[in-house]
Amino acid sequence: MLKRFLALSVLWLIASAAQALVLRDDRQVEVTIAKPPQRIVSLLPSLTETVCALGQCQKLVGVDRYSNWPDSIAKLPRMGGGIDPNIESVVAAKPDLILMATSARGAERFAALGLTVLALEPRSHTDVQRVMRIVAQALDVPVAESDRVWRHIDAAVNAAAQSIPAQAKGQRVYFEVSRAPYGASESSFIGETLQRLGARNILPAALGPFPKINPEYVVRAQPDIIMVGDSNFADMTTRPGWQNMRAMRTQRVCHFKSEESDVLVRAGPRMAEAARLMAKCMTDKAEASKVNDKPKGQP
């Protein structure tokens, strides 16, 4: 009987080990997923959206305060910010997987409490595809499904680019992500989208993905188009020299609503929607430029 018990125990251990999955996250930490998670806490909006894009929304038991898409997560408990999660709330939810940014605090504390943490922070188009694959593996979603979702996103970004008329391409763009101001450079995922749309970014990759810039830099660069969220737009008019910039004088500024800004600044499944918003801005402002540039009296 003892031999049989030991043999069964060994077989159980072998089976359990075979089910376990080891993934390397963006901290370069090897994370063991013992079994497909059923209770997930996501502390980064782009990761929340990725879970839902993979058809696993129903497994979320808590999210950060900024996660607001899709509508089905509206009633989920809020567990602090992405950078400063509420440790007590997360632990109380008894998650078997926590998804969070590499820049967030609390990962070591969660691990010390025996919780499984996967830290991922997509910063480029390639990252979005890679992170989607890792999340799919962690959630026991077939990689083929993750790849299908990515192909749909990528094709939709291409379609947005193809929708832009030739005369709207080549415009020089300044994209502001937050006050101070911080802009999106060529090396950011936003910059990558602008490049695919045929725009020219006034902020070079050498400045880093989201550099804090001197407002005078933008005045000197004289962008053709400015893209900014509604909450930042009012501040722009008070900056020295900005009211005299041609883009400001000719109203070639796209200021996006709060929900649109959320789409634009998240490296995740809604990148195609972000591309469509930028493409519409470029097209509309190119048309407005043709009207504004006509000599007076010309029909």
Protein backbone atom coordinates (compact mmCIF):
# COMPACT_ATOMS: atom_id res chain seq x y z
CA MET A 1 0.00 0.00 0.00
CA LEU A 2 2.83 2.38 0.90
CA LYS A 3 4.58 1.70 -2.42
CA ARG A 4 1.35 2.33 -4.29
CA PHE A 5 0.77 5.56 -2.38
CA LEU A 6 4.29 6.76 -3.14
CA ALA A 7 3.91 5.86 -6.80
CA LEU A 8 0.64 7.78 -7.06
CA SER A 9 2.22 10.76 -5.27
CA VAL A 10 5.09 10.80 -7.74
CA LEU A 11 2.69 10.62 -10.66
CA TRP A 12 0.66 13.50 -9.18
CA LEU A 13 3.80 15.62 -8.77
CA ILE A 14 4.86 14.86 -12.35
CA ALA A 15 1.41 15.79 -13.65
CA SER A 16 1.40 19.02 -11.61
CA ALA A 17 4.84 19.96 -12.89
CA ALA A 18 3.72 19.30 -16.45
CA GLN A 19 0.80 21.68 -15.99
CA ALA A 20 2.95 24.46 -14.51
CA LEU A 21 4.01 27.21 -16.90
CA VAL A 22 7.12 29.37 -16.50
CA LEU A 23 7.07 32.82 -18.11
CA ARG A 24 9.68 35.57 -18.10
CA ASP A 25 8.16 38.98 -17.43
CA ASP A 26 9.51 42.46 -18.16
CA ARG A 27 11.50 42.48 -14.91
CA GLN A 28 13.34 39.50 -16.39
CA VAL A 29 11.90 37.44 -13.54
CA GLU A 30 10.78 33.86 -14.18
CA VAL A 31 7.19 33.54 -13.02
CA THR A 32 5.62 30.13 -12.45
CA ILE A 33 1.93 29.79 -13.27
CA ALA A 34 0.92 26.62 -11.45
CA LYS A 35 -2.49 26.38 -13.11
CA PRO A 36 -4.71 28.57 -15.32
CA PRO A 37 -5.74 31.55 -13.15
CA GLN A 38 -9.42 32.06 -12.35
CA ARG A 39 -9.12 35.23 -10.22
CA ILE A 40 -7.12 38.02 -11.85
CA VAL A 41 -6.29 41.50 -10.59
CA SER A 42 -5.05 43.90 -13.29
CA LEU A 43 -3.33 47.11 -12.20
CA LEU A 44 -2.59 48.66 -15.60
CA PRO A 45 -5.34 49.78 -18.05
CA SER A 46 -3.58 48.36 -21.12
CA LEU A 47 -3.27 44.96 -19.39
CA THR A 48 -6.93 45.07 -18.33
CA GLU A 49 -7.87 45.74 -21.95
CA THR A 50 -5.59 42.93 -23.12
CA VAL A 51 -7.26 40.42 -20.78
CA CYS A 52 -10.65 41.43 -22.16
CA ALA A 53 -9.50 41.43 -25.79
CA LEU A 54 -8.50 37.80 -25.23
CA GLY A 55 -12.04 37.00 -24.04
CA GLN A 56 -11.13 36.60 -20.36
CA CYS A 57 -12.88 39.62 -18.79
CA GLN A 58 -15.00 37.37 -16.59
CA LYS A 59 -11.90 36.31 -14.65
CA LEU A 60 -11.09 39.83 -13.45
CA VAL A 61 -11.87 40.39 -9.75
CA GLY A 62 -10.30 43.85 -9.43
CA VAL A 63 -8.62 46.59 -11.46
CA ASP A 64 -6.79 49.89 -10.98
CA ARG A 65 -8.74 53.14 -10.75
CA TYR A 66 -7.92 54.14 -14.33
CA SER A 67 -9.13 50.98 -16.09
CA ASN A 68 -12.40 51.97 -17.80
CA TRP A 69 -12.78 49.72 -20.84
CA PRO A 70 -14.73 47.69 -21.75
CA ASP A 71 -18.00 48.68 -20.05
CA SER A 72 -18.30 45.23 -18.48
CA ILE A 73 -15.59 46.07 -15.91
CA ALA A 74 -17.39 49.17 -14.59
CA LYS A 75 -18.58 47.50 -11.38
CA LEU A 76 -15.30 45.77 -10.51
CA PRO A 77 -13.57 46.82 -7.26
CA ARG A 78 -10.95 49.56 -7.71
CA MET A 79 -7.62 48.74 -6.08
CA GLY A 80 -5.62 51.96 -6.18
CA GLY A 81 -3.54 53.44 -8.97
CA GLY A 82 -1.28 51.57 -11.33
CA ILE A 83 1.83 52.96 -9.65
CA ASP A 84 0.53 52.84 -6.06
CA PRO A 85 -1.86 49.88 -5.72
CA ASN A 86 -3.81 49.32 -2.52
CA ILE A 87 -2.00 46.27 -1.14
CA GLU A 88 -4.75 45.35 1.33
CA SER A 89 -7.51 45.46 -1.32
CA VAL A 90 -5.51 43.32 -3.72
CA VAL A 91 -4.69 40.70 -1.08
CA ALA A 92 -8.31 40.60 0.10
CA ALA A 93 -9.45 39.74 -3.44
CA LYS A 94 -7.44 36.47 -3.20
CA PRO A 95 -6.15 36.62 -6.79
CA ASP A 96 -4.23 33.75 -8.28
CA LEU A 97 -2.59 36.18 -10.73
CA ILE A 98 -1.72 39.88 -10.49
CA LEU A 99 -0.92 41.78 -13.68
CA MET A 100 0.93 45.05 -13.13
CA ALA A 101 3.43 47.49 -14.64
CA THR A 102 7.15 47.10 -14.06
CA SER A 103 7.19 50.69 -12.75
CA ALA A 104 4.51 49.97 -10.11
CA ARG A 105 5.25 49.52 -6.44
CA GLY A 106 4.21 46.43 -4.52
CA ALA A 107 5.44 43.50 -6.64
CA GLU A 108 7.93 42.32 -4.00
CA ARG A 109 5.33 42.70 -1.26
CA PHE A 110 2.81 40.64 -3.21
CA ALA A 111 5.41 37.95 -3.89
CA ALA A 112 6.33 37.84 -0.19
CA LEU A 113 2.67 37.18 0.57
CA GLY A 114 2.70 34.21 -1.79
CA LEU A 115 0.86 35.85 -4.67
CA THR A 116 1.81 35.36 -8.31
CA VAL A 117 2.85 38.59 -10.06
CA LEU A 118 3.42 39.09 -13.76
CA ALA A 119 4.90 42.54 -14.46
CA LEU A 120 4.50 43.70 -18.05
CA GLU A 121 4.68 47.17 -19.57
CA PRO A 122 4.26 47.48 -23.35
CA ARG A 123 6.07 50.50 -24.79
CA SER A 124 6.01 49.80 -28.54
CA HIS A 125 3.91 48.08 -31.18
CA THR A 126 6.17 45.02 -30.94
CA ASP A 127 5.72 45.06 -27.17
CA VAL A 128 1.94 45.06 -27.51
CA GLN A 129 2.09 41.90 -29.61
CA ARG A 130 4.61 40.27 -27.27
CA VAL A 131 2.72 41.17 -24.08
CA MET A 132 -0.54 39.92 -25.60
CA ARG A 133 1.13 36.57 -26.25
CA ILE A 134 2.50 36.34 -22.70
CA VAL A 135 -0.86 37.21 -21.16
CA ALA A 136 -2.54 34.65 -23.42
CA GLN A 137 -0.10 31.95 -22.24
CA ALA A 138 -0.63 32.90 -18.60
CA LEU A 139 -4.42 32.69 -19.02
CA ASP A 140 -4.28 29.41 -20.98
CA VAL A 141 -5.59 31.08 -24.12
CA PRO A 142 -4.25 29.52 -27.34
CA VAL A 143 -1.42 31.55 -28.84
CA ALA A 144 -3.23 31.27 -32.17
CA GLU A 145 -6.06 33.35 -30.67
CA SER A 146 -3.60 35.98 -29.42
CA ASP A 147 -2.03 36.14 -32.88
CA ARG A 148 -5.47 36.49 -34.47
CA VAL A 149 -6.30 39.46 -32.23
CA TRP A 150 -2.95 41.08 -33.04
CA ARG A 151 -3.39 40.59 -36.80
CA HIS A 152 -6.78 42.33 -36.57
CA ILE A 153 -5.20 45.29 -34.71
CA ASP A 154 -2.28 45.55 -37.12
CA ALA A 155 -4.51 45.35 -40.19
CA ALA A 156 -6.78 48.07 -38.79
CA VAL A 157 -3.78 50.38 -38.22
CA ASN A 158 -2.77 49.80 -41.85
CA ALA A 159 -6.33 50.56 -42.96
CA ALA A 160 -6.24 53.84 -41.02
CA ALA A 161 -3.01 54.76 -42.80
CA GLN A 162 -4.49 53.96 -46.19
CA SER A 163 -7.52 56.16 -45.46
CA ILE A 164 -5.38 59.30 -45.30
CA PRO A 165 -5.16 61.26 -48.58
CA ALA A 166 -1.69 61.86 -49.98
CA GLN A 167 -1.84 65.61 -49.33
CA ALA A 168 -2.42 64.97 -45.61
CA LYS A 169 0.75 62.92 -45.22
CA GLY A 170 4.14 64.37 -44.41
CA GLN A 171 2.69 66.89 -41.94
CA ARG A 172 4.85 67.70 -38.93
CA VAL A 173 3.10 66.75 -35.71
CA TYR A 174 3.54 67.56 -32.04
CA PHE A 175 1.70 65.12 -29.75
CA GLU A 176 1.42 66.16 -26.10
CA VAL A 177 0.71 63.38 -23.61
CA SER A 178 0.54 65.41 -20.39
CA ARG A 179 1.27 68.77 -18.84
CA ALA A 180 4.76 70.02 -17.91
CA PRO A 181 4.74 69.42 -20.96
CA TYR A 182 5.61 65.84 -21.91
CA GLY A 183 5.51 64.89 -25.57
CA ALA A 184 5.49 61.61 -27.52
CA SER A 185 8.68 61.18 -29.53
CA GLU A 186 9.45 59.02 -32.56
CA SER A 187 10.53 56.16 -30.24
CA SER A 188 7.20 55.95 -28.38
CA PHE A 189 4.35 53.68 -29.45
CA ILE A 190 2.42 56.86 -30.29
CA GLY A 191 5.33 57.99 -32.44
CA GLU A 192 5.36 54.61 -34.18
CA THR A 193 1.68 55.01 -35.02
CA LEU A 194 2.25 58.53 -36.37
CA GLN A 195 5.08 57.23 -38.55
CA ARG A 196 2.87 54.46 -39.95
CA LEU A 197 0.28 57.12 -40.75
CA GLY A 198 2.83 59.10 -42.74
CA ALA A 199 3.28 61.95 -40.26
CA ARG A 200 6.60 63.51 -39.26
CA ASN A 201 7.22 63.85 -35.53
CA ILE A 202 8.93 67.04 -34.32
CA LEU A 203 10.38 65.13 -31.33
CA PRO A 204 13.29 62.86 -32.36
CA ALA A 205 13.80 59.39 -30.90
CA ALA A 206 17.01 60.56 -29.23
CA LEU A 207 14.94 62.47 -26.64
CA GLY A 208 13.47 59.24 -25.28
CA PRO A 209 9.89 57.95 -25.69
CA PHE A 210 8.07 60.61 -23.61
CA PRO A 211 10.45 63.49 -22.92
CA LYS A 212 9.73 66.53 -20.81
CA ILE A 213 10.37 69.43 -23.16
CA ASN A 214 10.87 73.17 -23.03
CA PRO A 215 7.73 74.84 -24.48
CA GLU A 216 10.02 77.05 -26.55
CA TYR A 217 11.21 73.92 -28.38
CA VAL A 218 7.72 73.51 -29.88
CA VAL A 219 7.52 77.20 -30.82
CA ARG A 220 10.83 76.92 -32.68
CA ALA A 221 9.79 73.66 -34.36
CA GLN A 222 6.51 75.19 -35.66
CA PRO A 223 4.53 71.92 -36.09
CA ASP A 224 1.83 71.77 -38.76
CA ILE A 225 -0.55 69.99 -36.37
CA ILE A 226 -0.82 69.77 -32.59
CA MET A 227 -2.53 66.79 -30.95
CA VAL A 228 -3.51 67.11 -27.29
CA GLY A 229 -6.13 66.11 -24.75
CA ASP A 230 -8.89 68.54 -23.77
CA SER A 231 -7.50 68.87 -20.24
CA ASN A 232 -4.16 70.15 -21.56
CA PHE A 233 -5.43 72.41 -24.32
CA ALA A 234 -6.46 75.37 -22.12
CA ASP A 235 -2.97 75.47 -20.63
CA MET A 236 -1.39 75.80 -24.06
CA THR A 237 -2.77 79.27 -24.72
CA THR A 238 -0.93 80.68 -21.69
CA ARG A 239 2.52 79.48 -22.77
CA PRO A 240 4.81 82.25 -24.08
CA GLY A 241 4.76 82.41 -27.87
CA TRP A 242 2.24 79.64 -28.38
CA GLN A 243 -0.67 81.85 -29.42
CA ASN A 244 1.46 83.10 -32.31
CA MET A 245 2.30 79.64 -33.63
CA ARG A 246 0.74 79.06 -37.04
CA ALA A 247 -0.90 75.81 -35.89
CA MET A 248 -2.62 77.68 -33.06
CA ARG A 249 -3.61 80.70 -35.17
CA THR A 250 -5.11 78.57 -37.94
CA GLN A 251 -6.79 76.18 -35.48
CA ARG A 252 -4.80 73.18 -36.63
CA VAL A 253 -5.04 71.69 -33.16
CA CYS A 254 -6.86 68.44 -32.42
CA HIS A 255 -7.91 68.39 -28.77
CA PHE A 256 -9.31 65.02 -27.84
CA LYS A 257 -12.04 64.24 -25.32
CA SER A 258 -11.08 62.40 -22.15
CA GLU A 259 -12.25 59.01 -23.42
CA GLU A 260 -10.36 59.54 -26.69
CA SER A 261 -7.20 60.50 -24.81
CA ASP A 262 -7.44 57.23 -22.88
CA VAL A 263 -7.43 55.34 -26.17
CA LEU A 264 -4.50 57.33 -27.57
CA VAL A 265 -2.11 56.97 -24.63
CA ARG A 266 -2.52 53.24 -23.95
CA ALA A 267 -0.27 50.70 -25.64
CA GLY A 268 -2.82 47.95 -25.97
CA PRO A 269 -5.61 46.37 -28.02
CA ARG A 270 -7.22 49.72 -28.93
CA MET A 271 -4.21 50.97 -30.89
CA ALA A 272 -6.20 50.68 -34.10
CA GLU A 273 -8.85 53.01 -32.69
CA ALA A 274 -6.05 55.41 -31.72
CA ALA A 275 -4.72 55.27 -35.26
CA ARG A 276 -8.16 56.14 -36.64
CA LEU A 277 -8.40 59.16 -34.32
CA MET A 278 -4.98 60.42 -35.45
CA ALA A 279 -5.77 59.73 -39.11
CA LYS A 280 -9.00 61.73 -38.87
CA CYS A 281 -7.12 64.60 -37.25
CA MET A 282 -4.47 64.64 -40.00
CA THR A 283 -7.08 64.49 -42.76
CA ASP A 284 -9.35 67.14 -41.25
CA LYS A 285 -6.52 69.59 -40.59
CA ALA A 286 -5.06 69.10 -44.06
CA GLU A 287 -8.46 70.02 -45.53
CA ALA A 288 -8.70 73.04 -43.20
CA SER A 289 -5.23 74.12 -44.30
CA LYS A 290 -6.30 74.15 -47.96
CA VAL A 291 -9.18 76.45 -47.09
CA ASN A 292 -7.12 78.73 -44.87
CA ASP A 293 -4.29 78.98 -47.39
CA LYS A 294 -6.52 80.18 -50.23
CA PRO A 295 -5.99 83.81 -51.24
CA LYS A 296 -8.75 86.11 -50.00
CA GLY A 297 -11.63 86.39 -52.43
CA GLN A 298 -10.89 83.03 -54.08
CA PRO A 299 -13.88 80.62 -53.95
